[in-house]
Amino acid sequence: MPCLNLSTNVNLEGVDTSSILAEATSVVAKIIGKPESYVMIVLKGSVPLSFGGTEQPAAYGELVSIGGLNADVNKKLSAAIAEILESKLKVPKSRYFLKFYDAKGSFFGWNGSTF
């Protein structure tokens, strides 16, 4: 169950967030190799965030997955999510961090149980 949690200082009012969620879901599923039905995307805007001492558009993300992550996959995910943030929210690729977590199934709750 990959979960991508993105926070940005960009105001999302008037932004087509549905297209961002759909594109991020597709990219994460394809690169990790999991069904889209397992992918969750959380997008938070207008988050007070400073990067490099300025409040210019920036973002921070965390991606948690039960397996499917490795150095090559992480690099592809970072590039793909950065492209979405840059094209949809005008967040430069140089103003974005993404942290990866490869979790055990027993550390994920779902449907009243764990994986």
PDB file of N, CA and C in Angstrom:
ATOM      1  N   MET A   1       0.819  -1.169   0.000  1.00  0.00           N
ATOM      2  CA  MET A   1       0.000   0.000   0.000  1.00  0.00           C
ATOM      3  C   MET A   1       0.871   1.242   0.000  1.00  0.00           C
ATOM      4  N   PRO A   2       1.293   1.699  -1.155  1.00  0.00           N
ATOM      5  CA  PRO A   2       2.085   2.933  -1.185  1.00  0.00           C
ATOM      6  C   PRO A   2       1.224   4.140  -0.799  1.00  0.00           C
ATOM      7  N   CYS A   3       1.785   4.987   0.024  1.00  0.00           N
ATOM      8  CA  CYS A   3       1.121   6.229   0.405  1.00  0.00           C
ATOM      9  C   CYS A   3       2.108   7.374   0.199  1.00  0.00           C
ATOM     10  N   LEU A   4       1.740   8.315  -0.653  1.00  0.00           N
ATOM     11  CA  LEU A   4       2.552   9.503  -0.910  1.00  0.00           C
ATOM     12  C   LEU A   4       1.878  10.676  -0.234  1.00  0.00           C
ATOM     13  N   ASN A   5       2.574  11.281   0.710  1.00  0.00           N
ATOM     14  CA  ASN A   5       2.068  12.429   1.453  1.00  0.00           C
ATOM     15  C   ASN A   5       2.876  13.642   1.021  1.00  0.00           C
ATOM     16  N   LEU A   6       2.228  14.594   0.331  1.00  0.00           N
ATOM     17  CA  LEU A   6       2.903  15.790  -0.173  1.00  0.00           C
ATOM     18  C   LEU A   6       2.384  17.027   0.540  1.00  0.00           C
ATOM     19  N   SER A   7       3.307  17.865   0.989  1.00  0.00           N
ATOM     20  CA  SER A   7       2.960  19.154   1.578  1.00  0.00           C
ATOM     21  C   SER A   7       3.685  20.239   0.800  1.00  0.00           C
ATOM     22  N   THR A   8       2.968  21.336   0.534  1.00  0.00           N
ATOM     23  CA  THR A   8       3.565  22.447  -0.193  1.00  0.00           C
ATOM     24  C   THR A   8       3.070  23.767   0.388  1.00  0.00           C
ATOM     25  N   ASN A   9       3.863  24.802   0.202  1.00  0.00           N
ATOM     26  CA  ASN A   9       3.444  26.125   0.637  1.00  0.00           C
ATOM     27  C   ASN A   9       2.629  26.835  -0.451  1.00  0.00           C
ATOM     28  N   VAL A  10       2.410  26.174  -1.569  1.00  0.00           N
ATOM     29  CA  VAL A  10       1.615  26.724  -2.654  1.00  0.00           C
ATOM     30  C   VAL A  10       0.125  26.655  -2.274  1.00  0.00           C
ATOM     31  N   ASN A  11      -0.592  27.732  -2.544  1.00  0.00           N
ATOM     32  CA  ASN A  11      -2.033  27.779  -2.316  1.00  0.00           C
ATOM     33  C   ASN A  11      -2.710  26.952  -3.409  1.00  0.00           C
ATOM     34  N   LEU A  12      -3.529  25.997  -3.025  1.00  0.00           N
ATOM     35  CA  LEU A  12      -4.168  25.097  -3.985  1.00  0.00           C
ATOM     36  C   LEU A  12      -5.526  25.595  -4.474  1.00  0.00           C
ATOM     37  N   GLU A  13      -5.944  26.758  -4.004  1.00  0.00           N
ATOM     38  CA  GLU A  13      -7.217  27.316  -4.460  1.00  0.00           C
ATOM     39  C   GLU A  13      -7.134  27.581  -5.965  1.00  0.00           C
ATOM     40  N   GLY A  14      -8.100  27.057  -6.699  1.00  0.00           N
ATOM     41  CA  GLY A  14      -8.116  27.229  -8.147  1.00  0.00           C
ATOM     42  C   GLY A  14      -7.245  26.241  -8.900  1.00  0.00           C
ATOM     43  N   VAL A  15      -6.544  25.365  -8.189  1.00  0.00           N
ATOM     44  CA  VAL A  15      -5.687  24.348  -8.809  1.00  0.00           C
ATOM     45  C   VAL A  15      -6.508  23.081  -9.016  1.00  0.00           C
ATOM     46  N   ASP A  16      -6.324  22.438 -10.150  1.00  0.00           N
ATOM     47  CA  ASP A  16      -7.010  21.170 -10.424  1.00  0.00           C
ATOM     48  C   ASP A  16      -6.311  20.056  -9.645  1.00  0.00           C
ATOM     49  N   THR A  17      -6.657  19.926  -8.370  1.00  0.00           N
ATOM     50  CA  THR A  17      -6.000  18.927  -7.524  1.00  0.00           C
ATOM     51  C   THR A  17      -6.350  17.504  -7.955  1.00  0.00           C
ATOM     52  N   SER A  18      -7.520  17.321  -8.544  1.00  0.00           N
ATOM     53  CA  SER A  18      -7.899  15.977  -9.002  1.00  0.00           C
ATOM     54  C   SER A  18      -6.925  15.448 -10.044  1.00  0.00           C
ATOM     55  N   SER A  19      -6.454  16.305 -10.935  1.00  0.00           N
ATOM     56  CA  SER A  19      -5.502  15.849 -11.955  1.00  0.00           C
ATOM     57  C   SER A  19      -4.142  15.531 -11.331  1.00  0.00           C
ATOM     58  N   ILE A  20      -3.773  16.278 -10.296  1.00  0.00           N
ATOM     59  CA  ILE A  20      -2.513  15.997  -9.603  1.00  0.00           C
ATOM     60  C   ILE A  20      -2.616  14.651  -8.897  1.00  0.00           C
ATOM     61  N   LEU A  21      -3.717  14.435  -8.196  1.00  0.00           N
ATOM     62  CA  LEU A  21      -3.917  13.162  -7.484  1.00  0.00           C
ATOM     63  C   LEU A  21      -3.932  11.978  -8.450  1.00  0.00           C
ATOM     64  N   ALA A  22      -4.620  12.135  -9.569  1.00  0.00           N
ATOM     65  CA  ALA A  22      -4.709  11.052 -10.557  1.00  0.00           C
ATOM     66  C   ALA A  22      -3.347  10.753 -11.172  1.00  0.00           C
ATOM     67  N   GLU A  23      -2.613  11.802 -11.545  1.00  0.00           N
ATOM     68  CA  GLU A  23      -1.299  11.591 -12.168  1.00  0.00           C
ATOM     69  C   GLU A  23      -0.316  10.987 -11.173  1.00  0.00           C
ATOM     70  N   ALA A  24      -0.321  11.475  -9.938  1.00  0.00           N
ATOM     71  CA  ALA A  24       0.579  10.927  -8.912  1.00  0.00           C
ATOM     72  C   ALA A  24       0.239   9.470  -8.616  1.00  0.00           C
ATOM     73  N   THR A  25      -1.044   9.142  -8.549  1.00  0.00           N
ATOM     74  CA  THR A  25      -1.466   7.758  -8.320  1.00  0.00           C
ATOM     75  C   THR A  25      -0.933   6.853  -9.419  1.00  0.00           C
ATOM     76  N   SER A  26      -1.111   7.270 -10.658  1.00  0.00           N
ATOM     77  CA  SER A  26      -0.666   6.477 -11.799  1.00  0.00           C
ATOM     78  C   SER A  26       0.845   6.273 -11.799  1.00  0.00           C
ATOM     79  N   VAL A  27       1.577   7.344 -11.549  1.00  0.00           N
ATOM     80  CA  VAL A  27       3.043   7.290 -11.562  1.00  0.00           C
ATOM     81  C   VAL A  27       3.570   6.382 -10.457  1.00  0.00           C
ATOM     82  N   VAL A  28       3.052   6.562  -9.247  1.00  0.00           N
ATOM     83  CA  VAL A  28       3.515   5.753  -8.111  1.00  0.00           C
ATOM     84  C   VAL A  28       3.225   4.274  -8.369  1.00  0.00           C
ATOM     85  N   ALA A  29       2.019   3.962  -8.812  1.00  0.00           N
ATOM     86  CA  ALA A  29       1.657   2.566  -9.075  1.00  0.00           C
ATOM     87  C   ALA A  29       2.557   1.959 -10.143  1.00  0.00           C
ATOM     88  N   LYS A  30       2.753   2.680 -11.222  1.00  0.00           N
ATOM     89  CA  LYS A  30       3.549   2.155 -12.337  1.00  0.00           C
ATOM     90  C   LYS A  30       4.997   1.924 -11.935  1.00  0.00           C
ATOM     91  N   ILE A  31       5.604   2.891 -11.280  1.00  0.00           N
ATOM     92  CA  ILE A  31       7.030   2.782 -10.949  1.00  0.00           C
ATOM     93  C   ILE A  31       7.279   1.738  -9.867  1.00  0.00           C
ATOM     94  N   ILE A  32       6.417   1.682  -8.857  1.00  0.00           N
ATOM     95  CA  ILE A  32       6.609   0.701  -7.777  1.00  0.00           C
ATOM     96  C   ILE A  32       6.137  -0.690  -8.198  1.00  0.00           C
ATOM     97  N   GLY A  33       5.189  -0.731  -9.118  1.00  0.00           N
ATOM     98  CA  GLY A  33       4.683  -2.022  -9.563  1.00  0.00           C
ATOM     99  C   GLY A  33       3.542  -2.542  -8.710  1.00  0.00           C
ATOM    100  N   LYS A  34       2.744  -1.615  -8.173  1.00  0.00           N
ATOM    101  CA  LYS A  34       1.586  -1.990  -7.364  1.00  0.00           C
ATOM    102  C   LYS A  34       0.317  -1.518  -8.083  1.00  0.00           C
ATOM    103  N   PRO A  35      -0.817  -2.147  -7.825  1.00  0.00           N
ATOM    104  CA  PRO A  35      -2.067  -1.699  -8.442  1.00  0.00           C
ATOM    105  C   PRO A  35      -2.452  -0.296  -7.970  1.00  0.00           C
ATOM    106  N   GLU A  36      -3.044   0.495  -8.860  1.00  0.00           N
ATOM    107  CA  GLU A  36      -3.505   1.833  -8.483  1.00  0.00           C
ATOM    108  C   GLU A  36      -4.487   1.772  -7.327  1.00  0.00           C
ATOM    109  N   SER A  37      -5.245   0.696  -7.233  1.00  0.00           N
ATOM    110  CA  SER A  37      -6.244   0.576  -6.165  1.00  0.00           C
ATOM    111  C   SER A  37      -5.606   0.524  -4.775  1.00  0.00           C
ATOM    112  N   TYR A  38      -4.303   0.287  -4.699  1.00  0.00           N
ATOM    113  CA  TYR A  38      -3.596   0.250  -3.415  1.00  0.00           C
ATOM    114  C   TYR A  38      -2.928   1.575  -3.063  1.00  0.00           C
ATOM    115  N   VAL A  39      -2.872   2.521  -4.002  1.00  0.00           N
ATOM    116  CA  VAL A  39      -2.097   3.753  -3.824  1.00  0.00           C
ATOM    117  C   VAL A  39      -2.958   4.846  -3.186  1.00  0.00           C
ATOM    118  N   MET A  40      -2.382   5.520  -2.189  1.00  0.00           N
ATOM    119  CA  MET A  40      -3.025   6.670  -1.564  1.00  0.00           C
ATOM    120  C   MET A  40      -2.123   7.886  -1.756  1.00  0.00           C
ATOM    121  N   ILE A  41      -2.741   9.010  -2.134  1.00  0.00           N
ATOM    122  CA  ILE A  41      -2.022  10.269  -2.283  1.00  0.00           C
ATOM    123  C   ILE A  41      -2.684  11.298  -1.374  1.00  0.00           C
ATOM    124  N   VAL A  42      -1.894  11.985  -0.580  1.00  0.00           N
ATOM    125  CA  VAL A  42      -2.378  13.068   0.273  1.00  0.00           C
ATOM    126  C   VAL A  42      -1.665  14.330  -0.191  1.00  0.00           C
ATOM    127  N   LEU A  43      -2.432  15.379  -0.483  1.00  0.00           N
ATOM    128  CA  LEU A  43      -1.873  16.641  -0.960  1.00  0.00           C
ATOM    129  C   LEU A  43      -2.367  17.770  -0.065  1.00  0.00           C
ATOM    130  N   LYS A  44      -1.430  18.426   0.608  1.00  0.00           N
ATOM    131  CA  LYS A  44      -1.757  19.545   1.493  1.00  0.00           C
ATOM    132  C   LYS A  44      -1.118  20.808   0.943  1.00  0.00           C
ATOM    133  N   GLY A  45      -1.912  21.852   0.806  1.00  0.00           N
ATOM    134  CA  GLY A  45      -1.405  23.126   0.321  1.00  0.00           C
ATOM    135  C   GLY A  45      -1.443  24.196   1.398  1.00  0.00           C
ATOM    136  N   SER A  46      -0.819  25.324   1.090  1.00  0.00           N
ATOM    137  CA  SER A  46      -0.751  26.479   2.003  1.00  0.00           C
ATOM    138  C   SER A  46      -0.113  26.114   3.341  1.00  0.00           C
ATOM    139  N   VAL A  47       0.819  25.169   3.327  1.00  0.00           N
ATOM    140  CA  VAL A  47       1.515  24.754   4.538  1.00  0.00           C
ATOM    141  C   VAL A  47       2.675  25.733   4.770  1.00  0.00           C
ATOM    142  N   PRO A  48       2.779  26.331   5.967  1.00  0.00           N
ATOM    143  CA  PRO A  48       3.935  27.188   6.225  1.00  0.00           C
ATOM    144  C   PRO A  48       5.213  26.369   6.039  1.00  0.00           C
ATOM    145  N   LEU A  49       6.040  26.769   5.083  1.00  0.00           N
ATOM    146  CA  LEU A  49       7.214  25.983   4.729  1.00  0.00           C
ATOM    147  C   LEU A  49       8.308  26.919   4.231  1.00  0.00           C
ATOM    148  N   SER A  50       9.479  26.746   4.778  1.00  0.00           N
ATOM    149  CA  SER A  50      10.643  27.506   4.340  1.00  0.00           C
ATOM    150  C   SER A  50      11.688  26.525   3.828  1.00  0.00           C
ATOM    151  N   PHE A  51      12.297  26.850   2.705  1.00  0.00           N
ATOM    152  CA  PHE A  51      13.344  26.007   2.132  1.00  0.00           C
ATOM    153  C   PHE A  51      14.497  26.931   1.756  1.00  0.00           C
ATOM    154  N   GLY A  52      15.667  26.675   2.291  1.00  0.00           N
ATOM    155  CA  GLY A  52      16.821  27.525   1.993  1.00  0.00           C
ATOM    156  C   GLY A  52      16.657  28.945   2.495  1.00  0.00           C
ATOM    157  N   GLY A  53      15.828  29.121   3.518  1.00  0.00           N
ATOM    158  CA  GLY A  53      15.649  30.436   4.107  1.00  0.00           C
ATOM    159  C   GLY A  53      14.631  31.310   3.405  1.00  0.00           C
ATOM    160  N   THR A  54      13.943  30.775   2.389  1.00  0.00           N
ATOM    161  CA  THR A  54      12.913  31.564   1.712  1.00  0.00           C
ATOM    162  C   THR A  54      11.598  30.795   1.693  1.00  0.00           C
ATOM    163  N   GLU A  55      10.535  31.534   1.463  1.00  0.00           N
ATOM    164  CA  GLU A  55       9.209  30.929   1.375  1.00  0.00           C
ATOM    165  C   GLU A  55       8.717  30.881  -0.061  1.00  0.00           C
ATOM    166  N   GLN A  56       9.637  30.860  -1.007  1.00  0.00           N
ATOM    167  CA  GLN A  56       9.282  30.657  -2.409  1.00  0.00           C
ATOM    168  C   GLN A  56       8.668  29.260  -2.537  1.00  0.00           C
ATOM    169  N   PRO A  57       7.915  28.991  -3.627  1.00  0.00           N
ATOM    170  CA  PRO A  57       7.280  27.677  -3.750  1.00  0.00           C
ATOM    171  C   PRO A  57       8.250  26.515  -3.484  1.00  0.00           C
ATOM    172  N   ALA A  58       7.807  25.614  -2.604  1.00  0.00           N
ATOM    173  CA  ALA A  58       8.610  24.457  -2.206  1.00  0.00           C
ATOM    174  C   ALA A  58       7.668  23.338  -1.789  1.00  0.00           C
ATOM    175  N   ALA A  59       8.211  22.143  -1.653  1.00  0.00           N
ATOM    176  CA  ALA A  59       7.391  21.005  -1.243  1.00  0.00           C
ATOM    177  C   ALA A  59       8.238  19.981  -0.493  1.00  0.00           C
ATOM    178  N   TYR A  60       7.556  19.208   0.329  1.00  0.00           N
ATOM    179  CA  TYR A  60       8.170  18.094   1.043  1.00  0.00           C
ATOM    180  C   TYR A  60       7.244  16.897   0.913  1.00  0.00           C
ATOM    181  N   GLY A  61       7.813  15.736   0.656  1.00  0.00           N
ATOM    182  CA  GLY A  61       6.998  14.546   0.519  1.00  0.00           C
ATOM    183  C   GLY A  61       7.594  13.360   1.248  1.00  0.00           C
ATOM    184  N   GLU A  62       6.733  12.450   1.616  1.00  0.00           N
ATOM    185  CA  GLU A  62       7.145  11.170   2.190  1.00  0.00           C
ATOM    186  C   GLU A  62       6.365  10.078   1.488  1.00  0.00           C
ATOM    187  N   LEU A  63       7.071   9.056   1.048  1.00  0.00           N
ATOM    188  CA  LEU A  63       6.438   7.930   0.383  1.00  0.00           C
ATOM    189  C   LEU A  63       6.739   6.670   1.180  1.00  0.00           C
ATOM    190  N   VAL A  64       5.667   6.022   1.626  1.00  0.00           N
ATOM    191  CA  VAL A  64       5.790   4.784   2.391  1.00  0.00           C
ATOM    192  C   VAL A  64       5.221   3.655   1.550  1.00  0.00           C
ATOM    193  N   SER A  65       5.945   2.550   1.481  1.00  0.00           N
ATOM    194  CA  SER A  65       5.473   1.400   0.718  1.00  0.00           C
ATOM    195  C   SER A  65       5.899   0.116   1.400  1.00  0.00           C
ATOM    196  N   ILE A  66       5.068  -0.894   1.244  1.00  0.00           N
ATOM    197  CA  ILE A  66       5.437  -2.232   1.698  1.00  0.00           C
ATOM    198  C   ILE A  66       6.149  -2.881   0.522  1.00  0.00           C
ATOM    199  N   GLY A  67       7.457  -2.825   0.536  1.00  0.00           N
ATOM    200  CA  GLY A  67       8.253  -3.359  -0.571  1.00  0.00           C
ATOM    201  C   GLY A  67       8.155  -2.483  -1.808  1.00  0.00           C
ATOM    202  N   GLY A  68       8.905  -2.842  -2.809  1.00  0.00           N
ATOM    203  CA  GLY A  68       8.881  -2.147  -4.081  1.00  0.00           C
ATOM    204  C   GLY A  68       9.857  -0.990  -4.190  1.00  0.00           C
ATOM    205  N   LEU A  69      10.493  -0.611  -3.084  1.00  0.00           N
ATOM    206  CA  LEU A  69      11.427   0.507  -3.110  1.00  0.00           C
ATOM    207  C   LEU A  69      12.869   0.008  -3.151  1.00  0.00           C
ATOM    208  N   ASN A  70      13.679   0.697  -3.907  1.00  0.00           N
ATOM    209  CA  ASN A  70      15.126   0.473  -3.948  1.00  0.00           C
ATOM    210  C   ASN A  70      15.746   1.730  -4.555  1.00  0.00           C
ATOM    211  N   ALA A  71      17.048   1.794  -4.654  1.00  0.00           N
ATOM    212  CA  ALA A  71      17.724   3.003  -5.127  1.00  0.00           C
ATOM    213  C   ALA A  71      17.238   3.437  -6.508  1.00  0.00           C
ATOM    214  N   ASP A  72      17.079   2.506  -7.426  1.00  0.00           N
ATOM    215  CA  ASP A  72      16.653   2.846  -8.784  1.00  0.00           C
ATOM    216  C   ASP A  72      15.204   3.325  -8.819  1.00  0.00           C
ATOM    217  N   VAL A  73      14.334   2.614  -8.132  1.00  0.00           N
ATOM    218  CA  VAL A  73      12.919   2.983  -8.062  1.00  0.00           C
ATOM    219  C   VAL A  73      12.767   4.351  -7.395  1.00  0.00           C
ATOM    220  N   ASN A  74      13.494   4.581  -6.305  1.00  0.00           N
ATOM    221  CA  ASN A  74      13.406   5.856  -5.595  1.00  0.00           C
ATOM    222  C   ASN A  74      13.822   7.020  -6.485  1.00  0.00           C
ATOM    223  N   LYS A  75      14.862   6.819  -7.269  1.00  0.00           N
ATOM    224  CA  LYS A  75      15.327   7.869  -8.183  1.00  0.00           C
ATOM    225  C   LYS A  75      14.248   8.177  -9.227  1.00  0.00           C
ATOM    226  N   LYS A  76      13.611   7.139  -9.762  1.00  0.00           N
ATOM    227  CA  LYS A  76      12.543   7.336 -10.753  1.00  0.00           C
ATOM    228  C   LYS A  76      11.335   8.027 -10.128  1.00  0.00           C
ATOM    229  N   LEU A  77      10.978   7.626  -8.918  1.00  0.00           N
ATOM    230  CA  LEU A  77       9.862   8.255  -8.222  1.00  0.00           C
ATOM    231  C   LEU A  77      10.150   9.728  -7.944  1.00  0.00           C
ATOM    232  N   SER A  78      11.352  10.015  -7.474  1.00  0.00           N
ATOM    233  CA  SER A  78      11.722  11.394  -7.183  1.00  0.00           C
ATOM    234  C   SER A  78      11.610  12.261  -8.427  1.00  0.00           C
ATOM    235  N   ALA A  79      12.093  11.760  -9.550  1.00  0.00           N
ATOM    236  CA  ALA A  79      12.034  12.521 -10.813  1.00  0.00           C
ATOM    237  C   ALA A  79      10.586  12.720 -11.262  1.00  0.00           C
ATOM    238  N   ALA A  80       9.781  11.682 -11.178  1.00  0.00           N
ATOM    239  CA  ALA A  80       8.398  11.758 -11.651  1.00  0.00           C
ATOM    240  C   ALA A  80       7.545  12.694 -10.786  1.00  0.00           C
ATOM    241  N   ILE A  81       7.707  12.613  -9.471  1.00  0.00           N
ATOM    242  CA  ILE A  81       6.940  13.486  -8.578  1.00  0.00           C
ATOM    243  C   ILE A  81       7.419  14.930  -8.719  1.00  0.00           C
ATOM    244  N   ALA A  82       8.714  15.118  -8.868  1.00  0.00           N
ATOM    245  CA  ALA A  82       9.244  16.469  -9.074  1.00  0.00           C
ATOM    246  C   ALA A  82       8.667  17.086 -10.342  1.00  0.00           C
ATOM    247  N   GLU A  83       8.512  16.291 -11.381  1.00  0.00           N
ATOM    248  CA  GLU A  83       7.942  16.789 -12.643  1.00  0.00           C
ATOM    249  C   GLU A  83       6.488  17.217 -12.453  1.00  0.00           C
ATOM    250  N   ILE A  84       5.732  16.441 -11.700  1.00  0.00           N
ATOM    251  CA  ILE A  84       4.336  16.797 -11.412  1.00  0.00           C
ATOM    252  C   ILE A  84       4.276  18.109 -10.631  1.00  0.00           C
ATOM    253  N   LEU A  85       5.098  18.208  -9.586  1.00  0.00           N
ATOM    254  CA  LEU A  85       5.096  19.418  -8.765  1.00  0.00           C
ATOM    255  C   LEU A  85       5.492  20.650  -9.573  1.00  0.00           C
ATOM    256  N   GLU A  86       6.463  20.477 -10.458  1.00  0.00           N
ATOM    257  CA  GLU A  86       6.919  21.611 -11.258  1.00  0.00           C
ATOM    258  C   GLU A  86       5.881  22.019 -12.310  1.00  0.00           C
ATOM    259  N   SER A  87       5.304  21.032 -12.988  1.00  0.00           N
ATOM    260  CA  SER A  87       4.366  21.348 -14.065  1.00  0.00           C
ATOM    261  C   SER A  87       3.009  21.817 -13.543  1.00  0.00           C
ATOM    262  N   LYS A  88       2.543  21.264 -12.431  1.00  0.00           N
ATOM    263  CA  LYS A  88       1.208  21.578 -11.926  1.00  0.00           C
ATOM    264  C   LYS A  88       1.181  22.691 -10.873  1.00  0.00           C
ATOM    265  N   LEU A  89       2.267  22.797 -10.082  1.00  0.00           N
ATOM    266  CA  LEU A  89       2.270  23.752  -8.974  1.00  0.00           C
ATOM    267  C   LEU A  89       3.408  24.772  -9.048  1.00  0.00           C
ATOM    268  N   LYS A  90       4.225  24.675 -10.076  1.00  0.00           N
ATOM    269  CA  LYS A  90       5.355  25.606 -10.251  1.00  0.00           C
ATOM    270  C   LYS A  90       6.368  25.533  -9.109  1.00  0.00           C
ATOM    271  N   VAL A  91       6.500  24.349  -8.515  1.00  0.00           N
ATOM    272  CA  VAL A  91       7.529  24.119  -7.506  1.00  0.00           C
ATOM    273  C   VAL A  91       8.777  23.633  -8.244  1.00  0.00           C
ATOM    274  N   PRO A  92       9.864  24.419  -8.226  1.00  0.00           N
ATOM    275  CA  PRO A  92      11.078  23.981  -8.914  1.00  0.00           C
ATOM    276  C   PRO A  92      11.603  22.657  -8.352  1.00  0.00           C
ATOM    277  N   LYS A  93      12.176  21.857  -9.212  1.00  0.00           N
ATOM    278  CA  LYS A  93      12.712  20.558  -8.782  1.00  0.00           C
ATOM    279  C   LYS A  93      13.764  20.712  -7.688  1.00  0.00           C
ATOM    280  N   SER A  94      14.431  21.845  -7.683  1.00  0.00           N
ATOM    281  CA  SER A  94      15.488  22.094  -6.694  1.00  0.00           C
ATOM    282  C   SER A  94      14.929  22.537  -5.338  1.00  0.00           C
ATOM    283  N   ARG A  95      13.608  22.652  -5.221  1.00  0.00           N
ATOM    284  CA  ARG A  95      12.996  23.106  -3.965  1.00  0.00           C
ATOM    285  C   ARG A  95      12.001  22.060  -3.442  1.00  0.00           C
ATOM    286  N   TYR A  96      12.442  20.815  -3.497  1.00  0.00           N
ATOM    287  CA  TYR A  96      11.569  19.699  -3.140  1.00  0.00           C
ATOM    288  C   TYR A  96      12.407  18.552  -2.587  1.00  0.00           C
ATOM    289  N   PHE A  97      11.976  18.018  -1.448  1.00  0.00           N
ATOM    290  CA  PHE A  97      12.585  16.824  -0.863  1.00  0.00           C
ATOM    291  C   PHE A  97      11.532  15.717  -0.845  1.00  0.00           C
ATOM    292  N   LEU A  98      11.980  14.484  -1.028  1.00  0.00           N
ATOM    293  CA  LEU A  98      11.103  13.323  -0.911  1.00  0.00           C
ATOM    294  C   LEU A  98      11.823  12.266  -0.090  1.00  0.00           C
ATOM    295  N   LYS A  99      11.200  11.840   0.990  1.00  0.00           N
ATOM    296  CA  LYS A  99      11.764  10.823   1.877  1.00  0.00           C
ATOM    297  C   LYS A  99      11.047   9.503   1.638  1.00  0.00           C
ATOM    298  N   PHE A 100      11.808   8.415   1.569  1.00  0.00           N
ATOM    299  CA  PHE A 100      11.258   7.093   1.279  1.00  0.00           C
ATOM    300  C   PHE A 100      11.319   6.200   2.515  1.00  0.00           C
ATOM    301  N   TYR A 101      10.241   5.446   2.724  1.00  0.00           N
ATOM    302  CA  TYR A 101      10.176   4.469   3.803  1.00  0.00           C
ATOM    303  C   TYR A 101       9.725   3.131   3.221  1.00  0.00           C
ATOM    304  N   ASP A 102      10.506   2.100   3.434  1.00  0.00           N
ATOM    305  CA  ASP A 102      10.108   0.741   3.056  1.00  0.00           C
ATOM    306  C   ASP A 102       9.652   0.064   4.344  1.00  0.00           C
ATOM    307  N   ALA A 103       8.343  -0.137   4.484  1.00  0.00           N
ATOM    308  CA  ALA A 103       7.779  -0.610   5.745  1.00  0.00           C
ATOM    309  C   ALA A 103       7.378  -2.082   5.687  1.00  0.00           C
ATOM    310  N   LYS A 104       7.329  -2.694   6.853  1.00  0.00           N
ATOM    311  CA  LYS A 104       6.812  -4.051   6.980  1.00  0.00           C
ATOM    312  C   LYS A 104       5.290  -3.994   6.921  1.00  0.00           C
ATOM    313  N   GLY A 105       4.684  -5.030   6.402  1.00  0.00           N
ATOM    314  CA  GLY A 105       3.226  -5.092   6.328  1.00  0.00           C
ATOM    315  C   GLY A 105       2.561  -4.966   7.682  1.00  0.00           C
ATOM    316  N   SER A 106       3.213  -5.484   8.709  1.00  0.00           N
ATOM    317  CA  SER A 106       2.626  -5.421  10.051  1.00  0.00           C
ATOM    318  C   SER A 106       2.613  -3.998  10.610  1.00  0.00           C
ATOM    319  N   PHE A 107       3.275  -3.057   9.926  1.00  0.00           N
ATOM    320  CA  PHE A 107       3.301  -1.662  10.353  1.00  0.00           C
ATOM    321  C   PHE A 107       2.265  -0.818   9.622  1.00  0.00           C
ATOM    322  N   PHE A 108       1.439  -1.439   8.788  1.00  0.00           N
ATOM    323  CA  PHE A 108       0.378  -0.755   8.044  1.00  0.00           C
ATOM    324  C   PHE A 108      -0.974  -1.316   8.457  1.00  0.00           C
ATOM    325  N   GLY A 109      -1.853  -0.439   8.907  1.00  0.00           N
ATOM    326  CA  GLY A 109      -3.206  -0.856   9.215  1.00  0.00           C
ATOM    327  C   GLY A 109      -4.101  -0.643   8.018  1.00  0.00           C
ATOM    328  N   TRP A 110      -5.008  -1.567   7.778  1.00  0.00           N
ATOM    329  CA  TRP A 110      -5.975  -1.462   6.679  1.00  0.00           C
ATOM    330  C   TRP A 110      -7.127  -2.411   6.930  1.00  0.00           C
ATOM    331  N   ASN A 111      -8.314  -1.952   6.677  1.00  0.00           N
ATOM    332  CA  ASN A 111      -9.512  -2.797   6.735  1.00  0.00           C
ATOM    333  C   ASN A 111      -9.668  -3.475   8.098  1.00  0.00           C
ATOM    334  N   GLY A 112      -9.291  -2.741   9.155  1.00  0.00           N
ATOM    335  CA  GLY A 112      -9.445  -3.273  10.511  1.00  0.00           C
ATOM    336  C   GLY A 112      -8.370  -4.234  10.941  1.00  0.00           C
ATOM    337  N   SER A 113      -7.308  -4.372  10.135  1.00  0.00           N
ATOM    338  CA  SER A 113      -6.231  -5.299  10.468  1.00  0.00           C
ATOM    339  C   SER A 113      -4.908  -4.695   9.983  1.00  0.00           C
ATOM    340  N   THR A 114      -3.939  -5.529   9.703  1.00  0.00           N
ATOM    341  CA  THR A 114      -2.682  -5.089   9.093  1.00  0.00           C
ATOM    342  C   THR A 114      -2.411  -5.959   7.881  1.00  0.00           C
ATOM    343  N   PHE A 115      -1.436  -5.539   7.096  1.00  0.00           N
ATOM    344  CA  PHE A 115      -1.112  -6.292   5.867  1.00  0.00           C
ATOM    345  C   PHE A 115      -0.267  -7.511   6.160  1.00  0.00           C
TER     346      PHE A 115
END
